[in-house]
Amino acid sequence: MAAAQQTSSWSWTKILIGSALTLVLIGAVYKLFGGPRQDVMTKGQIEADSLRTVLRETQKELNAAEQKAAKKDLTPPLTLEQQQAKLEKELRNKEMKAPLKYLSLDYEHTYRWFAGKEEFYGNIYNNAEYATFMNFEIRVTFLSETKTALDSKVYTHYKYLEPGEQIPFKFQSSSPSGYRYHRVELIRAIPYSPSREEYEGGEE
């Protein structure tokens, strides 16, 4: 009776051990073949993925540039007359920004005994091609024997001066005592604008 019980106990032990081994084997096989995997990227795969990303971005930029270039300009081309007018306007604006660059003067001097004043007269020249100027400010400076400035006065010549033309000017001025030399120079002029004339004319 005791021998039979010992044999039965040993059988159950073998069954339990076998079952445990079977479970261990099944778990190992599942982990090896059926379990979740973690992807491991090699250096070559990383570089290839980066290259594909760069290529995609480059292709997007090229497509955007092509779409932009494909848009048609609906503005009609300028005629020769319009191109010429545009060029003249640009040159005129350039000249109007720097009047003194295109203006010059020459003068002569005499003393008027009856008036007791110095008289200066000459011409102002407009060397611009398109711009017209007006309201010319001429400054005379009186100098001592040592070329020291003793006094200066500004006279405005209210005239228009068209491109390539010249206009005369003349003015008289009293001089300080001790004056030996003088200097006459054009210091300012205003660009002529038709819109300015229309506005001022409307105010009268």
C-alpha atoms as a PDB file:
ATOM      1  CA  MET A   1       0.000   0.000   0.000  1.00  0.00           C
ATOM      2  CA  ALA A   2       2.823   2.388   0.917  1.00  0.00           C
ATOM      3  CA  ALA A   3       4.730   1.438  -2.239  1.00  0.00           C
ATOM      4  CA  ALA A   4       1.717   2.250  -4.391  1.00  0.00           C
ATOM      5  CA  GLN A   5       1.361   5.688  -2.816  1.00  0.00           C
ATOM      6  CA  GLN A   6       5.063   6.424  -3.340  1.00  0.00           C
ATOM      7  CA  THR A   7       4.808   5.437  -7.015  1.00  0.00           C
ATOM      8  CA  SER A   8       1.759   7.676  -7.513  1.00  0.00           C
ATOM      9  CA  SER A   9       3.485  10.637  -5.825  1.00  0.00           C
ATOM     10  CA  TRP A  10       6.543  10.211  -8.062  1.00  0.00           C
ATOM     11  CA  SER A  11       4.341  10.183 -11.182  1.00  0.00           C
ATOM     12  CA  TRP A  12       2.693  13.442 -10.216  1.00  0.00           C
ATOM     13  CA  THR A  13       6.085  14.975  -9.579  1.00  0.00           C
ATOM     14  CA  LYS A  14       7.249  13.995 -13.073  1.00  0.00           C
ATOM     15  CA  ILE A  15       4.053  15.387 -14.564  1.00  0.00           C
ATOM     16  CA  LEU A  16       4.543  18.735 -12.792  1.00  0.00           C
ATOM     17  CA  ILE A  17       8.195  18.916 -13.827  1.00  0.00           C
ATOM     18  CA  GLY A  18       7.293  18.118 -17.420  1.00  0.00           C
ATOM     19  CA  SER A  19       4.549  20.716 -17.441  1.00  0.00           C
ATOM     20  CA  ALA A  20       6.924  23.348 -16.069  1.00  0.00           C
ATOM     21  CA  LEU A  21       9.534  22.511 -18.696  1.00  0.00           C
ATOM     22  CA  THR A  22       6.868  22.678 -21.386  1.00  0.00           C
ATOM     23  CA  LEU A  23       5.743  26.140 -20.222  1.00  0.00           C
ATOM     24  CA  VAL A  24       9.330  27.365 -20.112  1.00  0.00           C
ATOM     25  CA  LEU A  25       9.912  26.075 -23.648  1.00  0.00           C
ATOM     26  CA  ILE A  26       6.677  27.651 -24.935  1.00  0.00           C
ATOM     27  CA  GLY A  27       7.617  31.017 -23.325  1.00  0.00           C
ATOM     28  CA  ALA A  28      11.085  30.919 -24.903  1.00  0.00           C
ATOM     29  CA  VAL A  29       9.669  30.157 -28.349  1.00  0.00           C
ATOM     30  CA  TYR A  30       7.084  32.955 -28.035  1.00  0.00           C
ATOM     31  CA  LYS A  31       9.720  35.436 -26.951  1.00  0.00           C
ATOM     32  CA  LEU A  32      11.947  34.405 -29.824  1.00  0.00           C
ATOM     33  CA  PHE A  33       9.384  34.373 -32.624  1.00  0.00           C
ATOM     34  CA  GLY A  34       6.086  35.808 -31.485  1.00  0.00           C
ATOM     35  CA  GLY A  35       6.881  38.535 -28.967  1.00  0.00           C
ATOM     36  CA  PRO A  36       7.017  42.281 -29.682  1.00  0.00           C
ATOM     37  CA  ARG A  37      10.199  43.376 -31.441  1.00  0.00           C
ATOM     38  CA  GLN A  38      12.164  46.559 -31.118  1.00  0.00           C
ATOM     39  CA  ASP A  39      13.458  47.938 -34.395  1.00  0.00           C
ATOM     40  CA  VAL A  40      17.143  48.783 -34.276  1.00  0.00           C
ATOM     41  CA  MET A  41      18.355  51.110 -37.091  1.00  0.00           C
ATOM     42  CA  THR A  42      21.876  50.879 -38.335  1.00  0.00           C
ATOM     43  CA  LYS A  43      24.018  53.927 -39.172  1.00  0.00           C
ATOM     44  CA  GLY A  44      23.447  53.306 -42.874  1.00  0.00           C
ATOM     45  CA  GLN A  45      19.679  53.227 -42.392  1.00  0.00           C
ATOM     46  CA  ILE A  46      19.776  56.518 -40.433  1.00  0.00           C
ATOM     47  CA  GLU A  47      21.824  58.225 -43.168  1.00  0.00           C
ATOM     48  CA  ALA A  48      19.486  56.892 -45.871  1.00  0.00           C
ATOM     49  CA  ASP A  49      16.449  58.174 -43.965  1.00  0.00           C
ATOM     50  CA  SER A  50      18.046  61.630 -43.568  1.00  0.00           C
ATOM     51  CA  LEU A  51      18.855  61.707 -47.271  1.00  0.00           C
ATOM     52  CA  ARG A  52      15.254  60.868 -48.159  1.00  0.00           C
ATOM     53  CA  THR A  53      14.063  63.708 -45.892  1.00  0.00           C
ATOM     54  CA  VAL A  54      16.407  66.199 -47.570  1.00  0.00           C
ATOM     55  CA  LEU A  55      15.284  65.043 -51.011  1.00  0.00           C
ATOM     56  CA  ARG A  56      11.624  65.483 -50.074  1.00  0.00           C
ATOM     57  CA  GLU A  57      12.223  69.030 -48.778  1.00  0.00           C
ATOM     58  CA  THR A  58      14.259  69.921 -51.878  1.00  0.00           C
ATOM     59  CA  GLN A  59      11.524  68.612 -54.137  1.00  0.00           C
ATOM     60  CA  LYS A  60       8.947  70.706 -52.277  1.00  0.00           C
ATOM     61  CA  GLU A  61      11.063  73.839 -52.782  1.00  0.00           C
ATOM     62  CA  LEU A  62      11.509  73.069 -56.479  1.00  0.00           C
ATOM     63  CA  ASN A  63       7.774  72.544 -56.913  1.00  0.00           C
ATOM     64  CA  ALA A  64       7.037  75.849 -55.167  1.00  0.00           C
ATOM     65  CA  ALA A  65       9.570  77.665 -57.373  1.00  0.00           C
ATOM     66  CA  GLU A  66       8.087  76.139 -60.520  1.00  0.00           C
ATOM     67  CA  GLN A  67       4.579  77.145 -59.477  1.00  0.00           C
ATOM     68  CA  LYS A  68       5.737  80.700 -58.809  1.00  0.00           C
ATOM     69  CA  ALA A  69       7.527  80.893 -62.164  1.00  0.00           C
ATOM     70  CA  ALA A  70       4.502  79.470 -63.923  1.00  0.00           C
ATOM     71  CA  LYS A  71       2.319  82.400 -62.848  1.00  0.00           C
ATOM     72  CA  LYS A  72       1.879  84.670 -65.814  1.00  0.00           C
ATOM     73  CA  ASP A  73       2.361  88.423 -65.562  1.00  0.00           C
ATOM     74  CA  LEU A  74      -0.883  89.895 -66.798  1.00  0.00           C
ATOM     75  CA  THR A  75       0.614  93.419 -67.034  1.00  0.00           C
ATOM     76  CA  PRO A  76       0.916  94.354 -70.713  1.00  0.00           C
ATOM     77  CA  PRO A  77       4.427  95.307 -71.887  1.00  0.00           C
ATOM     78  CA  LEU A  78       5.260  98.994 -72.139  1.00  0.00           C
ATOM     79  CA  THR A  79       5.349 100.638 -75.543  1.00  0.00           C
ATOM     80  CA  LEU A  80       8.487 102.430 -76.708  1.00  0.00           C
ATOM     81  CA  GLU A  81       6.900 105.778 -75.882  1.00  0.00           C
ATOM     82  CA  GLN A  82       6.004 104.593 -72.388  1.00  0.00           C
ATOM     83  CA  GLN A  83       9.511 103.227 -71.817  1.00  0.00           C
ATOM     84  CA  GLN A  84      11.005 106.545 -72.921  1.00  0.00           C
ATOM     85  CA  ALA A  85       8.649 108.483 -70.656  1.00  0.00           C
ATOM     86  CA  LYS A  86       9.511 106.237 -67.713  1.00  0.00           C
ATOM     87  CA  LEU A  87      13.251 106.692 -68.307  1.00  0.00           C
ATOM     88  CA  GLU A  88      12.906 110.462 -68.580  1.00  0.00           C
ATOM     89  CA  LYS A  89      10.916 110.572 -65.341  1.00  0.00           C
ATOM     90  CA  GLU A  90      13.581 108.580 -63.499  1.00  0.00           C
ATOM     91  CA  LEU A  91      16.356 110.841 -64.808  1.00  0.00           C
ATOM     92  CA  ARG A  92      14.353 113.972 -63.990  1.00  0.00           C
ATOM     93  CA  ASN A  93      13.792 112.776 -60.418  1.00  0.00           C
ATOM     94  CA  LYS A  94      17.509 112.065 -60.072  1.00  0.00           C
ATOM     95  CA  GLU A  95      18.423 115.579 -61.263  1.00  0.00           C
ATOM     96  CA  MET A  96      15.802 117.216 -59.056  1.00  0.00           C
ATOM     97  CA  LYS A  97      17.340 115.643 -55.945  1.00  0.00           C
ATOM     98  CA  ALA A  98      20.690 117.427 -56.494  1.00  0.00           C
ATOM     99  CA  PRO A  99      20.131 120.852 -58.098  1.00  0.00           C
ATOM    100  CA  LEU A 100      23.585 122.270 -57.347  1.00  0.00           C
ATOM    101  CA  LYS A 101      25.187 119.353 -59.162  1.00  0.00           C
ATOM    102  CA  TYR A 102      23.673 120.599 -62.425  1.00  0.00           C
ATOM    103  CA  LEU A 103      23.788 124.366 -61.865  1.00  0.00           C
ATOM    104  CA  SER A 104      26.679 126.805 -62.268  1.00  0.00           C
ATOM    105  CA  LEU A 105      27.210 130.554 -62.584  1.00  0.00           C
ATOM    106  CA  ASP A 106      29.718 133.088 -63.790  1.00  0.00           C
ATOM    107  CA  TYR A 107      29.739 136.767 -62.852  1.00  0.00           C
ATOM    108  CA  GLU A 108      31.418 140.139 -63.111  1.00  0.00           C
ATOM    109  CA  HIS A 109      31.727 142.907 -60.557  1.00  0.00           C
ATOM    110  CA  THR A 110      31.760 146.694 -60.583  1.00  0.00           C
ATOM    111  CA  TYR A 111      31.303 149.516 -58.112  1.00  0.00           C
ATOM    112  CA  ARG A 112      28.423 151.967 -58.605  1.00  0.00           C
ATOM    113  CA  TRP A 113      29.687 155.327 -57.375  1.00  0.00           C
ATOM    114  CA  PHE A 114      26.371 157.119 -57.446  1.00  0.00           C
ATOM    115  CA  ALA A 115      24.658 154.301 -55.487  1.00  0.00           C
ATOM    116  CA  GLY A 116      27.718 153.655 -53.334  1.00  0.00           C
ATOM    117  CA  LYS A 117      27.266 149.905 -53.709  1.00  0.00           C
ATOM    118  CA  GLU A 118      28.965 146.884 -55.208  1.00  0.00           C
ATOM    119  CA  GLU A 119      27.193 145.450 -58.239  1.00  0.00           C
ATOM    120  CA  PHE A 120      27.389 141.780 -59.259  1.00  0.00           C
ATOM    121  CA  TYR A 121      25.951 140.490 -62.523  1.00  0.00           C
ATOM    122  CA  GLY A 122      26.287 137.357 -64.633  1.00  0.00           C
ATOM    123  CA  ASN A 123      24.490 134.189 -65.716  1.00  0.00           C
ATOM    124  CA  ILE A 124      23.177 131.007 -64.134  1.00  0.00           C
ATOM    125  CA  TYR A 125      23.438 127.820 -66.234  1.00  0.00           C
ATOM    126  CA  ASN A 126      21.299 124.696 -66.043  1.00  0.00           C
ATOM    127  CA  ASN A 127      23.303 121.662 -67.228  1.00  0.00           C
ATOM    128  CA  ALA A 128      20.557 119.142 -66.478  1.00  0.00           C
ATOM    129  CA  GLU A 129      18.836 117.266 -69.303  1.00  0.00           C
ATOM    130  CA  TYR A 130      15.300 117.106 -67.919  1.00  0.00           C
ATOM    131  CA  ALA A 131      14.922 119.049 -64.656  1.00  0.00           C
ATOM    132  CA  THR A 132      13.847 122.684 -64.440  1.00  0.00           C
ATOM    133  CA  PHE A 133      14.879 124.780 -61.425  1.00  0.00           C
ATOM    134  CA  MET A 134      13.736 128.065 -59.888  1.00  0.00           C
ATOM    135  CA  ASN A 135      14.262 130.530 -56.998  1.00  0.00           C
ATOM    136  CA  PHE A 136      18.053 130.671 -56.999  1.00  0.00           C
ATOM    137  CA  GLU A 137      19.821 131.815 -53.834  1.00  0.00           C
ATOM    138  CA  ILE A 138      23.138 133.583 -54.486  1.00  0.00           C
ATOM    139  CA  ARG A 139      25.460 134.414 -51.604  1.00  0.00           C
ATOM    140  CA  VAL A 140      28.136 137.097 -51.705  1.00  0.00           C
ATOM    141  CA  THR A 141      30.835 136.978 -49.027  1.00  0.00           C
ATOM    142  CA  PHE A 142      33.098 139.965 -48.336  1.00  0.00           C
ATOM    143  CA  LEU A 143      36.647 139.113 -47.287  1.00  0.00           C
ATOM    144  CA  SER A 144      39.420 141.053 -45.617  1.00  0.00           C
ATOM    145  CA  GLU A 145      43.013 141.348 -46.829  1.00  0.00           C
ATOM    146  CA  THR A 146      43.754 138.094 -44.980  1.00  0.00           C
ATOM    147  CA  LYS A 147      40.768 136.386 -46.687  1.00  0.00           C
ATOM    148  CA  THR A 148      38.765 136.451 -43.462  1.00  0.00           C
ATOM    149  CA  ALA A 149      34.986 136.641 -43.923  1.00  0.00           C
ATOM    150  CA  LEU A 150      33.729 140.042 -42.775  1.00  0.00           C
ATOM    151  CA  ASP A 151      30.118 139.808 -43.914  1.00  0.00           C
ATOM    152  CA  SER A 152      27.854 137.829 -46.246  1.00  0.00           C
ATOM    153  CA  LYS A 153      24.459 138.416 -47.829  1.00  0.00           C
ATOM    154  CA  VAL A 154      22.051 136.180 -49.719  1.00  0.00           C
ATOM    155  CA  TYR A 155      19.962 137.328 -52.687  1.00  0.00           C
ATOM    156  CA  THR A 156      17.184 135.246 -54.233  1.00  0.00           C
ATOM    157  CA  HIS A 157      16.652 135.320 -57.988  1.00  0.00           C
ATOM    158  CA  TYR A 158      12.997 134.403 -58.629  1.00  0.00           C
ATOM    159  CA  LYS A 159      13.166 132.933 -62.121  1.00  0.00           C
ATOM    160  CA  TYR A 160      12.636 129.607 -63.906  1.00  0.00           C
ATOM    161  CA  LEU A 161      15.573 127.930 -65.621  1.00  0.00           C
ATOM    162  CA  GLU A 162      14.861 125.131 -68.066  1.00  0.00           C
ATOM    163  CA  PRO A 163      17.297 122.330 -69.028  1.00  0.00           C
ATOM    164  CA  GLY A 164      20.245 123.468 -71.118  1.00  0.00           C
ATOM    165  CA  GLU A 165      19.318 127.145 -70.732  1.00  0.00           C
ATOM    166  CA  GLN A 166      20.807 130.150 -68.931  1.00  0.00           C
ATOM    167  CA  ILE A 167      19.355 133.226 -67.251  1.00  0.00           C
ATOM    168  CA  PRO A 168      21.016 136.544 -66.302  1.00  0.00           C
ATOM    169  CA  PHE A 169      21.102 137.926 -62.770  1.00  0.00           C
ATOM    170  CA  LYS A 170      22.153 141.213 -61.209  1.00  0.00           C
ATOM    171  CA  PHE A 171      22.104 142.646 -57.697  1.00  0.00           C
ATOM    172  CA  GLN A 172      23.742 145.405 -55.687  1.00  0.00           C
ATOM    173  CA  SER A 173      25.073 145.173 -52.165  1.00  0.00           C
ATOM    174  CA  SER A 174      26.699 147.458 -49.652  1.00  0.00           C
ATOM    175  CA  SER A 175      30.123 146.297 -48.455  1.00  0.00           C
ATOM    176  CA  PRO A 176      31.725 146.432 -44.997  1.00  0.00           C
ATOM    177  CA  SER A 177      34.742 148.595 -44.279  1.00  0.00           C
ATOM    178  CA  GLY A 178      38.078 146.877 -44.664  1.00  0.00           C
ATOM    179  CA  TYR A 179      36.790 144.631 -47.415  1.00  0.00           C
ATOM    180  CA  ARG A 180      39.332 143.729 -50.100  1.00  0.00           C
ATOM    181  CA  TYR A 181      38.000 140.566 -51.768  1.00  0.00           C
ATOM    182  CA  HIS A 182      34.664 138.888 -52.366  1.00  0.00           C
ATOM    183  CA  ARG A 183      33.248 135.480 -53.227  1.00  0.00           C
ATOM    184  CA  VAL A 184      29.968 134.837 -55.097  1.00  0.00           C
ATOM    185  CA  GLU A 185      28.385 131.391 -55.081  1.00  0.00           C
ATOM    186  CA  LEU A 186      25.081 129.660 -55.776  1.00  0.00           C
ATOM    187  CA  ILE A 187      23.977 127.967 -52.564  1.00  0.00           C
ATOM    188  CA  ARG A 188      20.415 126.777 -53.222  1.00  0.00           C
ATOM    189  CA  ALA A 189      17.749 126.247 -55.886  1.00  0.00           C
ATOM    190  CA  ILE A 190      14.303 124.655 -55.882  1.00  0.00           C
ATOM    191  CA  PRO A 191      13.294 121.964 -58.414  1.00  0.00           C
ATOM    192  CA  TYR A 192      10.351 123.076 -60.502  1.00  0.00           C
ATOM    193  CA  SER A 193       7.261 120.879 -60.290  1.00  0.00           C
ATOM    194  CA  PRO A 194       4.130 121.518 -62.398  1.00  0.00           C
ATOM    195  CA  SER A 195       1.975 120.223 -59.555  1.00  0.00           C
ATOM    196  CA  ARG A 196       3.458 122.898 -57.278  1.00  0.00           C
ATOM    197  CA  GLU A 197       2.557 125.611 -59.807  1.00  0.00           C
ATOM    198  CA  GLU A 198      -1.009 124.347 -60.143  1.00  0.00           C
ATOM    199  CA  TYR A 199      -1.408 124.325 -56.375  1.00  0.00           C
ATOM    200  CA  GLU A 200      -0.020 127.822 -55.922  1.00  0.00           C
ATOM    201  CA  GLY A 201      -2.086 129.084 -58.845  1.00  0.00           C
ATOM    202  CA  GLY A 202      -5.210 127.714 -57.230  1.00  0.00           C
ATOM    203  CA  GLU A 203      -4.469 129.668 -54.069  1.00  0.00           C
ATOM    204  CA  GLU A 204      -4.444 133.025 -55.806  1.00  0.00           C
END
